[in-house]
Protein backbone atom coordinates (compact mmCIF):
# COMPACT_ATOMS: atom_id res chain seq x y z
CA MET A 1 -8.46 4.01 -2.62
CA ASP A 2 -8.98 0.36 -1.56
CA ALA A 3 -6.53 -2.46 -0.66
CA GLU A 4 -6.55 -3.81 -4.20
CA GLN A 5 -5.61 -0.41 -5.74
CA LEU A 6 -3.01 0.22 -3.03
CA ILE A 7 -1.25 -3.08 -3.60
CA ARG A 8 -1.31 -2.59 -7.38
CA SER A 9 0.25 0.79 -6.97
CA LEU A 10 3.13 -0.84 -5.01
CA GLY A 11 3.74 -3.24 -7.96
CA GLY A 12 1.65 -6.19 -6.84
CA THR A 13 -0.41 -8.00 -9.57
CA GLY A 14 -3.44 -10.17 -9.49
CA ASN A 15 -1.62 -13.04 -11.05
CA LEU A 16 0.20 -13.66 -7.65
CA ARG A 17 -1.85 -15.80 -5.20
CA GLY A 18 -0.64 -13.69 -2.41
CA PHE A 19 -2.25 -10.66 -3.92
CA HIS A 20 -5.74 -11.84 -3.22
CA TYR A 21 -4.83 -13.05 0.18
CA ALA A 22 -3.32 -9.71 1.05
CA VAL A 23 -6.44 -7.78 -0.16
CA TYR A 24 -8.57 -9.97 2.08
CA MET A 25 -6.26 -9.67 5.19
CA VAL A 26 -5.71 -5.86 4.78
CA GLY A 27 -9.52 -5.58 4.93
CA LEU A 28 -9.74 -7.54 8.21
CA ILE A 29 -7.05 -5.51 9.78
CA GLU A 30 -8.61 -2.33 8.50
CA GLN A 31 -11.93 -3.34 10.19
CA ASP A 32 -10.23 -4.34 13.44
CA PRO A 33 -6.60 -3.18 14.00
CA VAL A 34 -6.17 -5.95 16.67
CA ASN A 35 -6.00 -8.38 13.81
CA ALA A 36 -2.56 -7.06 13.01
CA THR A 37 -1.31 -8.72 16.20
CA LEU A 38 -2.95 -12.03 15.20
CA VAL A 39 -1.41 -12.66 11.85
CA THR A 40 -0.18 -16.22 12.45
CA LYS A 41 -2.74 -17.34 14.95
CA ALA A 42 -5.86 -15.86 13.25
CA LEU A 43 -5.39 -14.26 9.87
CA TYR A 44 -3.50 -17.00 8.15
CA PRO A 45 -5.88 -19.79 9.18
CA ASP A 46 -9.04 -17.64 8.42
CA THR A 47 -7.56 -16.73 5.00
CA ALA A 48 -6.63 -20.30 4.29
CA ARG A 49 -10.13 -21.51 4.98
CA ARG A 50 -11.70 -18.70 2.89
CA PHE A 51 -9.49 -19.62 -0.14
CA GLY A 52 -9.21 -23.42 0.45
CA VAL A 53 -5.46 -23.56 1.01
CA THR A 54 -3.27 -24.13 3.96
CA PRO A 55 -2.01 -21.43 6.34
CA GLU A 56 1.62 -22.10 5.27
CA SER A 57 0.72 -21.39 1.63
CA VAL A 58 -0.89 -18.11 2.62
CA GLU A 59 2.22 -17.09 4.51
CA ARG A 60 4.55 -18.15 1.66
CA ASN A 61 2.42 -16.54 -1.04
CA LEU A 62 2.09 -13.29 0.87
CA ARG A 63 5.94 -13.21 1.42
CA THR A 64 6.33 -13.72 -2.47
CA LEU A 65 3.97 -10.81 -3.12
CA ILE A 66 5.91 -8.53 -0.70
CA HIS A 67 9.15 -9.55 -2.20
CA ASN A 68 7.78 -8.70 -5.59
CA CYS A 69 6.59 -5.28 -4.51
CA TRP A 70 9.90 -4.69 -2.74
CA THR A 71 12.16 -5.58 -5.61
CA ARG A 72 10.16 -4.62 -8.67
CA GLY A 73 7.59 -2.19 -7.32
CA ASP A 74 7.68 1.42 -6.15
CA ARG A 75 9.76 1.30 -2.99
CA GLU A 76 9.61 5.02 -2.54
CA LEU A 77 5.82 4.78 -2.43
CA MET A 78 6.03 1.93 0.07
CA CYS A 79 8.10 4.17 2.32
CA GLN A 80 5.63 7.05 1.92
CA ILE A 81 2.80 4.74 2.81
CA ALA A 82 4.76 3.49 5.78
CA GLY A 83 5.53 7.03 6.96
CA THR A 84 9.15 6.22 7.42
CA ARG A 85 12.18 5.13 5.45
CA LEU A 86 12.17 1.33 5.23
CA THR A 87 15.68 -0.07 5.19
CA GLY A 88 14.67 -3.67 4.42
CA GLN A 89 11.72 -5.58 3.13
CA PRO A 90 8.88 -5.55 5.62
CA THR A 91 7.72 -8.73 7.11
CA ASN A 92 4.33 -10.10 6.28
CA GLY A 93 2.76 -8.58 9.47
CA GLU A 94 4.46 -5.28 8.96
CA PHE A 95 3.33 -5.06 5.30
CA LEU A 96 -0.28 -5.77 6.22
CA ASP A 97 -0.22 -3.37 9.07
CA ILE A 98 1.34 -0.61 6.93
CA LEU A 99 -1.33 -0.85 4.26
CA ALA A 100 -4.26 -1.17 6.67
CA ALA A 101 -3.01 1.90 8.69
CA PHE A 102 -2.62 3.91 5.49
CA LEU A 103 -6.14 3.05 4.27
CA ARG A 104 -7.62 3.86 7.74
CA ARG A 105 -5.90 7.29 7.71
CA GLN A 106 -7.20 7.98 4.17
CA LYS A 107 -10.71 7.32 5.31
CA GLU A 108 -10.45 9.70 8.16
CA PHE A 109 -9.91 12.66 5.87
């Protein structure tokens, strides 16, 4: 499974701009987990440059994607991926970290 498939399984769709940003950022965090601590300082600006948008739009569109997954998607699957019961919608950084950590664990097996 890759980041695109994982996000789709949570209810994310490619017609949301944040979908493509999330796929890209999850890949960066998967490669180097330290990136999970640099969401605002590094990931948003890097993603914005890559897609020709502003860091603020990356943050906003990612938040919209997460909200869509949380309210319309498979919340139970999101909790399974997180490894814990989520009592509220994850933040942008939490969402990216949860997905990247899950994908890293899958590759270990």
